[in-house]
Amino acid sequence: MDYITIILTESALEMLPDELSNNSKSKINTHTFLDKSYHSHLMDGLDNVDKRGRPDITHMSSMAITSTPLYLEKKIKFYIHTISDYVLDIELGVRLPKSYHRFIGLFEKLFLDYSKNDNNDSLIKIQKSSFNKLIDSIDPDHVVGLSKHGNILTSNYVSDKIINSNRPTLLIGGFSHGTFSNNILNSIDDLISLGNHNLESHTACSRIIYEIEKSNINLS
């Protein structure tokens, strides 16, 4: 196994949808991400509203992943899959901006460049893609989803089902409420819980990576 793939799945990271940006009464900047902190009064009619408008979750979770020894050793392949079906492919070992505003500025530029057919950044690639298409391209041999409703994680599971798989893939929800959509649940081999608490995404990222690092198994 060369690395472990982590997908921050159905992440609440999206540009303002047309139904908001075309609203002349809203007087909002269309070149920005949907954010409940600013746009909550406009979001009542949106589909799947509980999973949307939290770009901060993507930022905090990305920091939790990319700050770990496992990531720095290029043993984690990191993707961000968004609620609006875009995929951001992060090159192995790439360090992302720690500042929230710089992080959002970088990803906003990626989305805007993509809309202009100008996606030349070789370190972070963006494309319109369903989750199923992403999974097909990864071709994992074992997919693990993290959820409060799963079976409690054990050290034996980490070694047997994650470390010893050829292409293990971990799914962590990038949203604040709810659970994975049915099509994502259908792709999961095992649903695993890190405990009885409903952990925030960035905490789940840190804890699962630490459990893998604790195994002290050479991943190369």
C-alpha atoms as a PDB file:
ATOM      1  CA  MET A   1       0.000   0.000   0.000  1.00  0.00           C
ATOM      2  CA  ASP A   2       1.498   3.320  -1.091  1.00  0.00           C
ATOM      3  CA  TYR A   3      -0.946   5.585   0.738  1.00  0.00           C
ATOM      4  CA  ILE A   4      -4.374   5.871   2.305  1.00  0.00           C
ATOM      5  CA  THR A   5      -7.027   7.853   0.446  1.00  0.00           C
ATOM      6  CA  ILE A   6      -9.198  10.223   2.470  1.00  0.00           C
ATOM      7  CA  ILE A   7     -12.245  11.855   0.883  1.00  0.00           C
ATOM      8  CA  LEU A   8     -13.907  14.741   2.699  1.00  0.00           C
ATOM      9  CA  THR A   9     -17.322  13.802   1.359  1.00  0.00           C
ATOM     10  CA  GLU A  10     -20.334  16.003   0.504  1.00  0.00           C
ATOM     11  CA  SER A  11     -18.393  18.978   1.815  1.00  0.00           C
ATOM     12  CA  ALA A  12     -20.386  22.143   2.450  1.00  0.00           C
ATOM     13  CA  LEU A  13     -18.193  24.115   0.041  1.00  0.00           C
ATOM     14  CA  GLU A  14     -19.908  25.690  -2.947  1.00  0.00           C
ATOM     15  CA  MET A  15     -20.163  28.944  -4.822  1.00  0.00           C
ATOM     16  CA  LEU A  16     -23.396  30.859  -4.368  1.00  0.00           C
ATOM     17  CA  PRO A  17     -26.106  28.955  -6.275  1.00  0.00           C
ATOM     18  CA  ASP A  18     -27.867  30.652  -9.149  1.00  0.00           C
ATOM     19  CA  GLU A  19     -31.126  31.047  -7.249  1.00  0.00           C
ATOM     20  CA  LEU A  20     -29.306  33.319  -4.784  1.00  0.00           C
ATOM     21  CA  SER A  21     -26.845  35.087  -7.055  1.00  0.00           C
ATOM     22  CA  ASN A  22     -29.649  35.992  -9.473  1.00  0.00           C
ATOM     23  CA  ASN A  23     -31.726  37.520  -6.703  1.00  0.00           C
ATOM     24  CA  SER A  24     -31.384  41.254  -7.292  1.00  0.00           C
ATOM     25  CA  LYS A  25     -32.728  42.019  -3.820  1.00  0.00           C
ATOM     26  CA  SER A  26     -30.050  40.051  -2.011  1.00  0.00           C
ATOM     27  CA  LYS A  27     -27.206  42.427  -2.916  1.00  0.00           C
ATOM     28  CA  ILE A  28     -24.559  39.783  -2.310  1.00  0.00           C
ATOM     29  CA  ASN A  29     -21.192  39.206  -3.903  1.00  0.00           C
ATOM     30  CA  THR A  30     -21.564  36.343  -6.381  1.00  0.00           C
ATOM     31  CA  HIS A  31     -17.827  35.599  -6.205  1.00  0.00           C
ATOM     32  CA  THR A  32     -17.995  33.977  -2.815  1.00  0.00           C
ATOM     33  CA  PHE A  33     -18.898  30.720  -1.158  1.00  0.00           C
ATOM     34  CA  LEU A  34     -22.303  30.021   0.302  1.00  0.00           C
ATOM     35  CA  ASP A  35     -21.941  30.638   4.043  1.00  0.00           C
ATOM     36  CA  LYS A  36     -24.658  30.416   6.681  1.00  0.00           C
ATOM     37  CA  SER A  37     -22.891  33.131   8.644  1.00  0.00           C
ATOM     38  CA  TYR A  38     -23.855  35.611   5.916  1.00  0.00           C
ATOM     39  CA  HIS A  39     -26.572  33.977   3.836  1.00  0.00           C
ATOM     40  CA  SER A  40     -28.777  32.093   6.316  1.00  0.00           C
ATOM     41  CA  HIS A  41     -31.717  34.411   5.652  1.00  0.00           C
ATOM     42  CA  LEU A  42     -31.586  33.437   1.967  1.00  0.00           C
ATOM     43  CA  MET A  43     -31.181  29.686   2.351  1.00  0.00           C
ATOM     44  CA  ASP A  44     -34.599  28.524   3.567  1.00  0.00           C
ATOM     45  CA  GLY A  45     -35.758  27.364   0.133  1.00  0.00           C
ATOM     46  CA  LEU A  46     -32.570  25.524  -0.848  1.00  0.00           C
ATOM     47  CA  ASP A  47     -32.520  21.753  -1.249  1.00  0.00           C
ATOM     48  CA  ASN A  48     -30.562  19.762   1.322  1.00  0.00           C
ATOM     49  CA  VAL A  49     -30.053  22.940   3.322  1.00  0.00           C
ATOM     50  CA  ASP A  50     -28.741  21.201   6.465  1.00  0.00           C
ATOM     51  CA  LYS A  51     -25.619  20.073   4.602  1.00  0.00           C
ATOM     52  CA  ARG A  52     -24.814  23.424   3.000  1.00  0.00           C
ATOM     53  CA  GLY A  53     -23.213  26.737   3.816  1.00  0.00           C
ATOM     54  CA  ARG A  54     -20.320  25.678   6.053  1.00  0.00           C
ATOM     55  CA  PRO A  55     -17.038  26.273   4.185  1.00  0.00           C
ATOM     56  CA  ASP A  56     -15.300  26.531   7.570  1.00  0.00           C
ATOM     57  CA  ILE A  57     -15.759  22.772   8.012  1.00  0.00           C
ATOM     58  CA  THR A  58     -13.737  22.137   4.857  1.00  0.00           C
ATOM     59  CA  HIS A  59     -11.024  24.485   6.102  1.00  0.00           C
ATOM     60  CA  MET A  60     -10.755  22.995   9.600  1.00  0.00           C
ATOM     61  CA  SER A  61     -10.882  19.407   8.331  1.00  0.00           C
ATOM     62  CA  SER A  62      -8.274  20.109   5.660  1.00  0.00           C
ATOM     63  CA  MET A  63      -5.978  21.576   8.312  1.00  0.00           C
ATOM     64  CA  ALA A  64      -6.552  18.548  10.544  1.00  0.00           C
ATOM     65  CA  ILE A  65      -5.558  16.200   7.728  1.00  0.00           C
ATOM     66  CA  THR A  66      -2.647  18.095   6.177  1.00  0.00           C
ATOM     67  CA  SER A  67      -0.949  18.842   9.515  1.00  0.00           C
ATOM     68  CA  THR A  68      -0.449  15.179  10.442  1.00  0.00           C
ATOM     69  CA  PRO A  69       2.843  13.259  10.165  1.00  0.00           C
ATOM     70  CA  LEU A  70       1.128  10.699   7.915  1.00  0.00           C
ATOM     71  CA  TYR A  71       0.187  13.418   5.426  1.00  0.00           C
ATOM     72  CA  LEU A  72       3.586  15.110   5.604  1.00  0.00           C
ATOM     73  CA  GLU A  73       5.180  11.752   4.782  1.00  0.00           C
ATOM     74  CA  LYS A  74       2.966  11.607   1.666  1.00  0.00           C
ATOM     75  CA  LYS A  75       1.024   8.608   2.955  1.00  0.00           C
ATOM     76  CA  ILE A  76      -2.382  10.286   2.575  1.00  0.00           C
ATOM     77  CA  LYS A  77      -4.014  11.050  -0.751  1.00  0.00           C
ATOM     78  CA  PHE A  78      -6.589  13.755  -0.054  1.00  0.00           C
ATOM     79  CA  TYR A  79      -9.699  14.623  -2.051  1.00  0.00           C
ATOM     80  CA  ILE A  80     -12.482  17.079  -1.300  1.00  0.00           C
ATOM     81  CA  HIS A  81     -15.842  16.083  -2.759  1.00  0.00           C
ATOM     82  CA  THR A  82     -18.434  18.862  -2.482  1.00  0.00           C
ATOM     83  CA  ILE A  83     -22.182  18.826  -1.944  1.00  0.00           C
ATOM     84  CA  SER A  84     -22.593  20.255  -5.459  1.00  0.00           C
ATOM     85  CA  ASP A  85     -20.527  17.413  -6.991  1.00  0.00           C
ATOM     86  CA  TYR A  86     -17.155  18.994  -7.597  1.00  0.00           C
ATOM     87  CA  VAL A  87     -13.945  17.160  -6.740  1.00  0.00           C
ATOM     88  CA  LEU A  88     -10.748  18.859  -5.640  1.00  0.00           C
ATOM     89  CA  ASP A  89      -7.728  16.614  -6.120  1.00  0.00           C
ATOM     90  CA  ILE A  90      -4.911  17.658  -3.766  1.00  0.00           C
ATOM     91  CA  GLU A  91      -1.428  16.614  -4.874  1.00  0.00           C
ATOM     92  CA  LEU A  92       0.420  14.400  -2.392  1.00  0.00           C
ATOM     93  CA  GLY A  93       2.022  16.458   0.388  1.00  0.00           C
ATOM     94  CA  VAL A  94       0.727  19.860  -0.746  1.00  0.00           C
ATOM     95  CA  ARG A  95       0.437  22.314   2.157  1.00  0.00           C
ATOM     96  CA  LEU A  96      -2.738  24.384   2.168  1.00  0.00           C
ATOM     97  CA  PRO A  97      -3.051  27.921   3.592  1.00  0.00           C
ATOM     98  CA  LYS A  98      -3.658  27.864   7.347  1.00  0.00           C
ATOM     99  CA  SER A  99      -5.398  31.233   7.371  1.00  0.00           C
ATOM    100  CA  TYR A 100      -9.126  30.782   6.764  1.00  0.00           C
ATOM    101  CA  HIS A 101      -9.353  33.820   4.475  1.00  0.00           C
ATOM    102  CA  ARG A 102      -6.350  32.748   2.387  1.00  0.00           C
ATOM    103  CA  PHE A 103      -7.736  29.203   2.178  1.00  0.00           C
ATOM    104  CA  ILE A 104     -11.137  30.420   1.002  1.00  0.00           C
ATOM    105  CA  GLY A 105      -9.500  32.848  -1.421  1.00  0.00           C
ATOM    106  CA  LEU A 106      -7.450  30.033  -2.982  1.00  0.00           C
ATOM    107  CA  PHE A 107     -10.425  27.714  -3.404  1.00  0.00           C
ATOM    108  CA  GLU A 108     -12.671  30.483  -4.676  1.00  0.00           C
ATOM    109  CA  LYS A 109     -10.070  31.200  -7.357  1.00  0.00           C
ATOM    110  CA  LEU A 110      -9.984  27.505  -8.306  1.00  0.00           C
ATOM    111  CA  PHE A 111     -13.760  27.482  -8.794  1.00  0.00           C
ATOM    112  CA  LEU A 112     -13.723  30.734 -10.765  1.00  0.00           C
ATOM    113  CA  ASP A 113     -10.835  29.601 -12.984  1.00  0.00           C
ATOM    114  CA  TYR A 114     -12.657  26.336 -13.648  1.00  0.00           C
ATOM    115  CA  SER A 115     -15.767  28.254 -14.717  1.00  0.00           C
ATOM    116  CA  LYS A 116     -13.554  30.116 -17.209  1.00  0.00           C
ATOM    117  CA  ASN A 117     -11.951  26.876 -18.466  1.00  0.00           C
ATOM    118  CA  ASP A 118      -8.672  28.000 -16.917  1.00  0.00           C
ATOM    119  CA  ASN A 119      -7.698  25.173 -14.573  1.00  0.00           C
ATOM    120  CA  ASN A 120      -3.910  25.139 -14.848  1.00  0.00           C
ATOM    121  CA  ASP A 121      -2.942  24.674 -11.201  1.00  0.00           C
ATOM    122  CA  SER A 122      -0.943  21.435 -11.147  1.00  0.00           C
ATOM    123  CA  LEU A 123      -1.055  21.046  -7.351  1.00  0.00           C
ATOM    124  CA  ILE A 124      -4.827  21.264  -6.821  1.00  0.00           C
ATOM    125  CA  LYS A 125      -7.098  20.177  -9.642  1.00  0.00           C
ATOM    126  CA  ILE A 126     -10.837  20.760  -9.751  1.00  0.00           C
ATOM    127  CA  GLN A 127     -13.412  19.015 -11.904  1.00  0.00           C
ATOM    128  CA  LYS A 128     -17.145  18.477 -12.012  1.00  0.00           C
ATOM    129  CA  SER A 129     -17.612  14.905 -10.870  1.00  0.00           C
ATOM    130  CA  SER A 130     -20.099  12.757  -9.018  1.00  0.00           C
ATOM    131  CA  PHE A 131     -18.972  10.825  -5.979  1.00  0.00           C
ATOM    132  CA  ASN A 132     -19.466   7.530  -7.832  1.00  0.00           C
ATOM    133  CA  LYS A 133     -17.225   8.676 -10.667  1.00  0.00           C
ATOM    134  CA  LEU A 134     -14.528   9.642  -8.151  1.00  0.00           C
ATOM    135  CA  ILE A 135     -14.735   6.237  -6.458  1.00  0.00           C
ATOM    136  CA  ASP A 136     -14.495   4.494  -9.826  1.00  0.00           C
ATOM    137  CA  SER A 137     -11.331   6.447 -10.636  1.00  0.00           C
ATOM    138  CA  ILE A 138      -9.748   5.542  -7.260  1.00  0.00           C
ATOM    139  CA  ASP A 139     -10.811   1.893  -7.549  1.00  0.00           C
ATOM    140  CA  PRO A 140     -10.472   1.150  -3.803  1.00  0.00           C
ATOM    141  CA  ASP A 141     -10.479  -2.386  -2.440  1.00  0.00           C
ATOM    142  CA  HIS A 142     -11.976  -1.330   0.902  1.00  0.00           C
ATOM    143  CA  VAL A 143     -14.106   1.747   1.670  1.00  0.00           C
ATOM    144  CA  VAL A 144     -14.659   2.856   5.269  1.00  0.00           C
ATOM    145  CA  GLY A 145     -17.184   5.507   6.228  1.00  0.00           C
ATOM    146  CA  LEU A 146     -16.975   7.267   9.593  1.00  0.00           C
ATOM    147  CA  SER A 147     -20.313   7.654  11.337  1.00  0.00           C
ATOM    148  CA  LYS A 148     -21.698   7.706  14.854  1.00  0.00           C
ATOM    149  CA  HIS A 149     -24.028   4.909  13.724  1.00  0.00           C
ATOM    150  CA  GLY A 150     -21.221   2.514  12.770  1.00  0.00           C
ATOM    151  CA  ASN A 151     -19.406  -0.203  14.688  1.00  0.00           C
ATOM    152  CA  ILE A 152     -16.843   1.006  17.227  1.00  0.00           C
ATOM    153  CA  LEU A 153     -13.326   1.212  15.801  1.00  0.00           C
ATOM    154  CA  THR A 154     -10.807  -1.293  17.200  1.00  0.00           C
ATOM    155  CA  SER A 155      -7.049  -1.564  16.817  1.00  0.00           C
ATOM    156  CA  ASN A 156      -7.522  -4.908  15.066  1.00  0.00           C
ATOM    157  CA  TYR A 157      -9.808  -3.281  12.522  1.00  0.00           C
ATOM    158  CA  VAL A 158      -7.209  -0.582  11.795  1.00  0.00           C
ATOM    159  CA  SER A 159      -4.506  -3.159  11.100  1.00  0.00           C
ATOM    160  CA  ASP A 160      -6.645  -5.786   9.342  1.00  0.00           C
ATOM    161  CA  LYS A 161      -9.011  -3.684   7.237  1.00  0.00           C
ATOM    162  CA  ILE A 162      -7.185  -0.393   6.716  1.00  0.00           C
ATOM    163  CA  ILE A 163      -3.438  -0.896   6.931  1.00  0.00           C
ATOM    164  CA  ASN A 164      -3.471  -4.279   5.210  1.00  0.00           C
ATOM    165  CA  SER A 165      -5.752  -3.267   2.344  1.00  0.00           C
ATOM    166  CA  ASN A 166      -4.142  -2.454  -0.978  1.00  0.00           C
ATOM    167  CA  ARG A 167      -6.170   0.682  -1.709  1.00  0.00           C
ATOM    168  CA  PRO A 168      -8.038   1.684   1.474  1.00  0.00           C
ATOM    169  CA  THR A 169     -10.306   4.721   1.281  1.00  0.00           C
ATOM    170  CA  LEU A 170     -11.774   6.631   4.225  1.00  0.00           C
ATOM    171  CA  LEU A 171     -14.903   8.764   3.882  1.00  0.00           C
ATOM    172  CA  ILE A 172     -15.447  11.612   6.345  1.00  0.00           C
ATOM    173  CA  GLY A 173     -18.488  13.859   6.026  1.00  0.00           C
ATOM    174  CA  GLY A 174     -17.671  17.502   5.325  1.00  0.00           C
ATOM    175  CA  PHE A 175     -21.038  18.754   6.602  1.00  0.00           C
ATOM    176  CA  SER A 176     -22.453  19.749   9.991  1.00  0.00           C
ATOM    177  CA  HIS A 177     -25.721  17.761  10.175  1.00  0.00           C
ATOM    178  CA  GLY A 178     -27.152  14.524   8.844  1.00  0.00           C
ATOM    179  CA  THR A 179     -25.433  11.491   7.384  1.00  0.00           C
ATOM    180  CA  PHE A 180     -24.074  10.338   4.034  1.00  0.00           C
ATOM    181  CA  SER A 181     -26.465  10.251   1.088  1.00  0.00           C
ATOM    182  CA  ASN A 182     -27.741   6.830   0.017  1.00  0.00           C
ATOM    183  CA  ASN A 183     -25.501   6.551  -3.042  1.00  0.00           C
ATOM    184  CA  ILE A 184     -22.484   7.118  -0.806  1.00  0.00           C
ATOM    185  CA  LEU A 185     -23.686   4.665   1.814  1.00  0.00           C
ATOM    186  CA  ASN A 186     -24.063   2.090  -0.951  1.00  0.00           C
ATOM    187  CA  SER A 187     -20.350   2.372  -1.783  1.00  0.00           C
ATOM    188  CA  ILE A 188     -19.198   1.790   1.816  1.00  0.00           C
ATOM    189  CA  ASP A 189     -17.925  -1.607   2.910  1.00  0.00           C
ATOM    190  CA  ASP A 190     -17.852  -0.796   6.635  1.00  0.00           C
ATOM    191  CA  LEU A 191     -19.416   2.001   8.666  1.00  0.00           C
ATOM    192  CA  ILE A 192     -17.146   2.735  11.635  1.00  0.00           C
ATOM    193  CA  SER A 193     -17.682   4.891  14.722  1.00  0.00           C
ATOM    194  CA  LEU A 194     -15.011   6.659  16.774  1.00  0.00           C
ATOM    195  CA  GLY A 195     -17.233   6.660  19.852  1.00  0.00           C
ATOM    196  CA  ASN A 196     -20.662   7.554  21.151  1.00  0.00           C
ATOM    197  CA  HIS A 197     -20.303  11.280  20.570  1.00  0.00           C
ATOM    198  CA  ASN A 198     -21.277  13.084  17.372  1.00  0.00           C
ATOM    199  CA  LEU A 199     -17.776  14.328  16.556  1.00  0.00           C
ATOM    200  CA  GLU A 200     -17.140  17.347  14.367  1.00  0.00           C
ATOM    201  CA  SER A 201     -15.496  16.555  11.045  1.00  0.00           C
ATOM    202  CA  HIS A 202     -12.067  17.955  11.865  1.00  0.00           C
ATOM    203  CA  THR A 203     -11.951  15.962  15.116  1.00  0.00           C
ATOM    204  CA  ALA A 204     -12.890  12.768  13.265  1.00  0.00           C
ATOM    205  CA  CYS A 205     -10.115  13.451  10.741  1.00  0.00           C
ATOM    206  CA  SER A 206      -7.494  13.894  13.456  1.00  0.00           C
ATOM    207  CA  ARG A 207      -8.552  10.871  15.473  1.00  0.00           C
ATOM    208  CA  ILE A 208      -8.747   8.342  12.646  1.00  0.00           C
ATOM    209  CA  ILE A 209      -5.349   9.412  11.314  1.00  0.00           C
ATOM    210  CA  TYR A 210      -3.857   9.156  14.812  1.00  0.00           C
ATOM    211  CA  GLU A 211      -5.254   5.641  15.199  1.00  0.00           C
ATOM    212  CA  ILE A 212      -3.539   4.671  11.938  1.00  0.00           C
ATOM    213  CA  GLU A 213      -0.269   6.330  12.981  1.00  0.00           C
ATOM    214  CA  LYS A 214      -0.365   4.505  16.323  1.00  0.00           C
ATOM    215  CA  SER A 215      -0.163   1.183  14.540  1.00  0.00           C
ATOM    216  CA  ASN A 216       3.567   1.839  13.973  1.00  0.00           C
ATOM    217  CA  ILE A 217       3.402  -0.093  10.756  1.00  0.00           C
ATOM    218  CA  ASN A 218       5.688   0.935   7.907  1.00  0.00           C
ATOM    219  CA  LEU A 219       3.323   2.059   5.156  1.00  0.00           C
ATOM    220  CA  SER A 220       5.937   2.272   2.422  1.00  0.00           C
END
